[in-house]
């Protein structure tokens, strides 16, 4: 299974490099369970991540008891952002909304959030400035400025 997943990730990276793929939707075959944007590294450090996300008391409750939360509880506790009747359609709509934006800017924003999550505010702001400034000379940034001046929708190419 790991080999198949590794091959799949390699194919997705190649497609992304050719601008053929801008998002990936994963879903579970287990009824009532849905997974989007899965990241296997999340299996490591669960005690530390859960404590920071939902607080020590709730993290201990889940870790010590193995308790499962329903969707409403997961949203209320901050473990999930959305609850939808049709989670696959909701995920597709989120991917479509994100795909309208400049891919390099999205990548820079993601990197700034990921890096800044464990930094003090001044260091996080510095990381944000670094990632934002990396976009200054890009084709997509110039396209965004031209589109704004021309009052039209931009056409981003990820360059």
Protein backbone atom coordinates (compact mmCIF):
# COMPACT_ATOMS: atom_id res chain seq x y z
CA UNK A 1 0.00 0.00 0.00
CA UNK A 2 2.83 2.41 0.84
CA UNK A 3 4.44 1.71 -2.53
CA UNK A 4 1.17 2.39 -4.35
CA UNK A 5 0.70 5.62 -2.41
CA UNK A 6 4.28 6.70 -3.17
CA UNK A 7 3.70 6.05 -6.88
CA UNK A 8 0.45 8.02 -6.77
CA UNK A 9 2.13 10.98 -5.07
CA UNK A 10 4.89 10.96 -7.71
CA UNK A 11 2.26 11.02 -10.47
CA UNK A 12 0.42 13.88 -8.77
CA UNK A 13 3.64 15.88 -8.42
CA UNK A 14 4.37 15.39 -12.10
CA UNK A 15 0.85 16.50 -13.02
CA UNK A 16 1.14 19.54 -10.75
CA UNK A 17 4.45 20.49 -12.38
CA UNK A 18 2.68 20.40 -15.76
CA UNK A 19 -0.21 22.46 -14.30
CA UNK A 20 -2.60 19.54 -14.84
CA UNK A 21 -3.54 19.23 -11.17
CA UNK A 22 -4.15 21.91 -8.56
CA UNK A 23 -5.85 19.93 -5.81
CA UNK A 24 -6.39 16.42 -4.53
CA UNK A 25 -9.53 15.08 -2.92
CA UNK A 26 -9.27 11.94 -0.81
CA UNK A 27 -12.24 10.14 0.62
CA UNK A 28 -12.70 7.15 2.82
CA UNK A 29 -14.59 4.00 1.93
CA UNK A 30 -15.69 3.79 5.56
CA UNK A 31 -19.31 5.03 5.89
CA UNK A 32 -19.58 8.30 7.78
CA UNK A 33 -15.85 8.99 7.55
CA UNK A 34 -14.39 11.60 5.25
CA UNK A 35 -10.83 12.75 4.77
CA UNK A 36 -9.66 15.71 2.68
CA UNK A 37 -6.08 16.81 2.29
CA UNK A 38 -4.69 13.83 4.17
CA UNK A 39 -1.11 14.15 5.33
CA UNK A 40 0.54 10.98 6.60
CA UNK A 41 2.98 12.93 8.77
CA UNK A 42 0.03 13.86 10.98
CA UNK A 43 0.28 10.37 12.47
CA UNK A 44 3.45 11.52 14.22
CA UNK A 45 3.20 14.05 17.03
CA UNK A 46 -0.50 13.62 17.69
CA UNK A 47 -0.13 14.33 21.39
CA UNK A 48 1.57 17.66 20.73
CA UNK A 49 -0.59 18.76 17.83
CA UNK A 50 -3.87 17.87 19.49
CA UNK A 51 -2.89 19.65 22.71
CA UNK A 52 -2.10 22.84 20.80
CA UNK A 53 -5.24 22.60 18.70
CA UNK A 54 -7.90 21.71 21.29
CA UNK A 55 -6.16 22.21 24.62
CA UNK A 56 -4.63 19.72 27.05
CA UNK A 57 -7.86 18.63 28.74
CA UNK A 58 -9.67 17.71 25.52
CA UNK A 59 -6.53 16.17 24.02
CA UNK A 60 -6.16 13.92 27.07
CA UNK A 61 -9.83 12.95 26.92
CA UNK A 62 -9.45 11.77 23.32
CA UNK A 63 -6.00 10.22 23.76
CA UNK A 64 -6.77 8.37 27.01
CA UNK A 65 -10.20 7.08 26.05
CA UNK A 66 -10.02 6.68 22.27
CA UNK A 67 -13.32 8.57 22.15
CA UNK A 68 -14.59 9.39 18.67
CA UNK A 69 -16.27 12.67 17.89
CA UNK A 70 -19.12 13.17 15.48
CA UNK A 71 -18.93 15.92 12.87
CA UNK A 72 -20.70 18.54 14.96
CA UNK A 73 -18.37 17.89 17.90
CA UNK A 74 -15.30 18.02 15.67
CA UNK A 75 -16.35 21.43 14.33
CA UNK A 76 -17.22 22.73 17.81
CA UNK A 77 -13.83 21.60 19.15
CA UNK A 78 -11.88 23.12 16.26
CA UNK A 79 -10.78 19.80 14.77
CA UNK A 80 -12.78 20.35 11.59
CA UNK A 81 -13.75 23.50 9.74
CA UNK A 82 -16.89 22.45 7.91
CA UNK A 83 -19.77 20.05 8.26
CA UNK A 84 -21.66 19.28 5.06
CA UNK A 85 -24.52 17.08 3.93
CA UNK A 86 -22.43 16.11 0.91
CA UNK A 87 -18.79 16.34 2.00
CA UNK A 88 -17.41 15.34 -1.39
CA UNK A 89 -19.34 18.14 -3.12
CA UNK A 90 -18.31 20.60 -0.39
CA UNK A 91 -14.65 19.62 -0.88
CA UNK A 92 -14.96 20.01 -4.64
CA UNK A 93 -16.43 23.49 -4.16
CA UNK A 94 -13.55 24.44 -1.85
CA UNK A 95 -11.00 23.18 -4.38
CA UNK A 96 -12.74 25.05 -7.20
CA UNK A 97 -12.71 28.27 -5.16
CA UNK A 98 -9.01 27.89 -4.36
CA UNK A 99 -8.17 27.05 -7.99
CA UNK A 100 -9.33 30.54 -9.04
CA UNK A 101 -6.47 32.14 -7.11
CA UNK A 102 -2.80 32.47 -7.98
CA UNK A 103 -1.11 29.13 -7.21
CA UNK A 104 2.19 30.73 -6.17
CA UNK A 105 0.40 33.10 -3.81
CA UNK A 106 -1.54 30.23 -2.29
CA UNK A 107 1.67 28.25 -1.82
CA UNK A 108 3.34 31.27 -0.20
CA UNK A 109 0.38 31.84 2.13
CA UNK A 110 0.35 28.15 3.09
CA UNK A 111 4.08 28.20 3.80
CA UNK A 112 3.75 31.38 5.88
CA UNK A 113 0.93 29.88 7.97
CA UNK A 114 2.74 26.56 8.39
CA UNK A 115 6.03 28.22 9.38
CA UNK A 116 4.44 30.87 11.54
CA UNK A 117 2.25 28.49 13.53
CA UNK A 118 5.00 27.74 16.03
CA UNK A 119 6.71 31.15 15.95
CA UNK A 120 6.24 34.24 18.06
CA UNK A 121 4.33 36.99 16.23
CA UNK A 122 7.39 39.05 15.16
CA UNK A 123 9.08 35.98 13.66
CA UNK A 124 5.82 34.90 12.02
CA UNK A 125 5.41 38.33 10.46
CA UNK A 126 8.99 38.13 9.16
CA UNK A 127 8.25 34.73 7.59
CA UNK A 128 5.11 36.21 5.99
CA UNK A 129 7.10 39.14 4.54
CA UNK A 130 9.71 36.75 3.16
CA UNK A 131 7.12 34.59 1.43
CA UNK A 132 5.17 37.60 0.12
CA UNK A 133 8.30 39.27 -1.23
CA UNK A 134 9.16 36.08 -3.13
CA UNK A 135 6.14 36.80 -5.33
CA UNK A 136 7.19 40.30 -6.45
CA UNK A 137 8.88 39.28 -9.69
CA UNK A 138 6.46 36.56 -10.71
CA UNK A 139 4.37 36.53 -13.84
CA UNK A 140 1.23 35.85 -11.79
CA UNK A 141 1.74 38.96 -9.64
CA UNK A 142 2.14 41.12 -12.73
CA UNK A 143 -0.95 39.49 -14.22
CA UNK A 144 -2.91 40.30 -11.07
CA UNK A 145 -1.86 43.96 -11.24
CA UNK A 146 -2.71 44.19 -14.96
CA UNK A 147 -6.08 42.50 -14.45
CA UNK A 148 -6.92 44.87 -11.58
CA UNK A 149 -5.99 47.92 -13.70
CA UNK A 150 -8.00 46.58 -16.63
CA UNK A 151 -10.95 45.60 -14.40
CA UNK A 152 -10.95 41.97 -15.55
CA UNK A 153 -10.45 38.60 -13.95
CA UNK A 154 -6.81 37.49 -13.83
CA UNK A 155 -5.58 34.39 -15.61
CA UNK A 156 -2.92 32.77 -13.44
CA UNK A 157 -0.33 30.36 -14.79
CA UNK A 158 1.64 29.52 -11.67
CA UNK A 159 4.73 31.35 -12.90
